[in-house]
Amino acid sequence: MSLLSSGLETIDYGLPGWHLLFNRNFELLNNKLLKLSALLDVLGTPTNGQVLTWDATALKWKPRTY
């Protein structure tokens, strides 16, 4: 077993506990990808100088100029 810089672990297929490690790695990847996909959920198109703020009514990010 070894730990990758991404936080994922490696193990040879068929070794005891390989399926537990596979599930843990998959969960880590899923959590990271879900965080990224949430940033793609934007109302409108942001322009230079705008900041993404959370719109609790629409449950999406919204560009805003301060």
C-alpha atoms as a PDB file:
ATOM      1  CA  MET A   1       0.000   0.000   0.000  1.00  0.00           C
ATOM      2  CA  SER A   2       1.091   3.562  -0.646  1.00  0.00           C
ATOM      3  CA  LEU A   3      -0.441   6.993  -0.222  1.00  0.00           C
ATOM      4  CA  LEU A   4      -0.677   9.252  -3.268  1.00  0.00           C
ATOM      5  CA  SER A   5      -0.346  13.045  -3.071  1.00  0.00           C
ATOM      6  CA  SER A   6      -4.096  13.282  -3.807  1.00  0.00           C
ATOM      7  CA  GLY A   7      -4.871  11.457  -0.555  1.00  0.00           C
ATOM      8  CA  LEU A   8      -5.889   8.266  -2.372  1.00  0.00           C
ATOM      9  CA  GLU A   9      -4.291   4.970  -1.405  1.00  0.00           C
ATOM     10  CA  THR A  10      -3.125   2.140  -3.630  1.00  0.00           C
ATOM     11  CA  ILE A  11      -3.399  -1.591  -2.989  1.00  0.00           C
ATOM     12  CA  ASP A  12      -3.030  -4.706  -5.110  1.00  0.00           C
ATOM     13  CA  TYR A  13      -6.270  -6.272  -6.250  1.00  0.00           C
ATOM     14  CA  GLY A  14      -7.187  -9.343  -4.240  1.00  0.00           C
ATOM     15  CA  LEU A  15      -5.289  -8.437  -1.090  1.00  0.00           C
ATOM     16  CA  PRO A  16      -7.346  -8.546   2.101  1.00  0.00           C
ATOM     17  CA  GLY A  17      -9.366  -5.329   2.464  1.00  0.00           C
ATOM     18  CA  TRP A  18      -8.835  -4.118  -1.117  1.00  0.00           C
ATOM     19  CA  HIS A  19     -12.576  -3.529  -1.567  1.00  0.00           C
ATOM     20  CA  LEU A  20     -12.730  -1.330   1.560  1.00  0.00           C
ATOM     21  CA  LEU A  21      -9.900   0.820   0.242  1.00  0.00           C
ATOM     22  CA  PHE A  22     -11.558   1.007  -3.186  1.00  0.00           C
ATOM     23  CA  ASN A  23     -14.796   2.262  -1.584  1.00  0.00           C
ATOM     24  CA  ARG A  24     -12.917   4.821   0.534  1.00  0.00           C
ATOM     25  CA  ASN A  25     -11.020   6.148  -2.508  1.00  0.00           C
ATOM     26  CA  PHE A  26     -14.245   6.382  -4.493  1.00  0.00           C
ATOM     27  CA  GLU A  27     -15.901   8.330  -1.671  1.00  0.00           C
ATOM     28  CA  LEU A  28     -12.960  10.761  -1.505  1.00  0.00           C
ATOM     29  CA  LEU A  29     -13.143  11.358  -5.270  1.00  0.00           C
ATOM     30  CA  ASN A  30     -16.897  11.805  -5.156  1.00  0.00           C
ATOM     31  CA  ASN A  31     -16.679  14.397  -2.361  1.00  0.00           C
ATOM     32  CA  LYS A  32     -14.003  16.390  -4.198  1.00  0.00           C
ATOM     33  CA  LEU A  33     -15.903  16.328  -7.493  1.00  0.00           C
ATOM     34  CA  LEU A  34     -19.172  17.374  -5.834  1.00  0.00           C
ATOM     35  CA  LYS A  35     -17.452  20.445  -4.393  1.00  0.00           C
ATOM     36  CA  LEU A  36     -16.200  21.390  -7.852  1.00  0.00           C
ATOM     37  CA  SER A  37     -19.538  20.826  -9.557  1.00  0.00           C
ATOM     38  CA  ALA A  38     -21.242  23.155  -7.071  1.00  0.00           C
ATOM     39  CA  LEU A  39     -19.066  26.015  -8.339  1.00  0.00           C
ATOM     40  CA  LEU A  40     -20.371  25.454 -11.861  1.00  0.00           C
ATOM     41  CA  ASP A  41     -23.921  26.157 -10.689  1.00  0.00           C
ATOM     42  CA  VAL A  42     -23.913  29.921 -11.450  1.00  0.00           C
ATOM     43  CA  LEU A  43     -26.809  32.211 -12.380  1.00  0.00           C
ATOM     44  CA  GLY A  44     -25.696  34.416 -15.267  1.00  0.00           C
ATOM     45  CA  THR A  45     -22.173  35.043 -16.515  1.00  0.00           C
ATOM     46  CA  PRO A  46     -19.646  36.686 -14.185  1.00  0.00           C
ATOM     47  CA  THR A  47     -17.508  39.520 -15.534  1.00  0.00           C
ATOM     48  CA  ASN A  48     -14.180  40.906 -14.347  1.00  0.00           C
ATOM     49  CA  GLY A  49     -14.391  42.351 -10.858  1.00  0.00           C
ATOM     50  CA  GLN A  50     -17.470  40.394  -9.811  1.00  0.00           C
ATOM     51  CA  VAL A  51     -17.545  37.968  -6.885  1.00  0.00           C
ATOM     52  CA  LEU A  52     -19.667  34.822  -6.669  1.00  0.00           C
ATOM     53  CA  THR A  53     -22.117  35.014  -3.782  1.00  0.00           C
ATOM     54  CA  TRP A  54     -24.622  32.398  -2.655  1.00  0.00           C
ATOM     55  CA  ASP A  55     -28.275  33.076  -3.517  1.00  0.00           C
ATOM     56  CA  ALA A  56     -30.196  31.174  -0.830  1.00  0.00           C
ATOM     57  CA  THR A  57     -33.516  31.589  -2.649  1.00  0.00           C
ATOM     58  CA  ALA A  58     -32.318  30.100  -5.946  1.00  0.00           C
ATOM     59  CA  LEU A  59     -29.805  27.769  -4.250  1.00  0.00           C
ATOM     60  CA  LYS A  60     -27.157  28.819  -6.780  1.00  0.00           C
ATOM     61  CA  TRP A  61     -24.126  31.070  -7.018  1.00  0.00           C
ATOM     62  CA  LYS A  62     -24.727  34.560  -8.398  1.00  0.00           C
ATOM     63  CA  PRO A  63     -22.154  37.091  -9.671  1.00  0.00           C
ATOM     64  CA  ARG A  64     -22.196  40.347  -7.710  1.00  0.00           C
ATOM     65  CA  THR A  65     -20.313  43.618  -7.975  1.00  0.00           C
ATOM     66  CA  TYR A  66     -19.301  45.281  -4.713  1.00  0.00           C
END
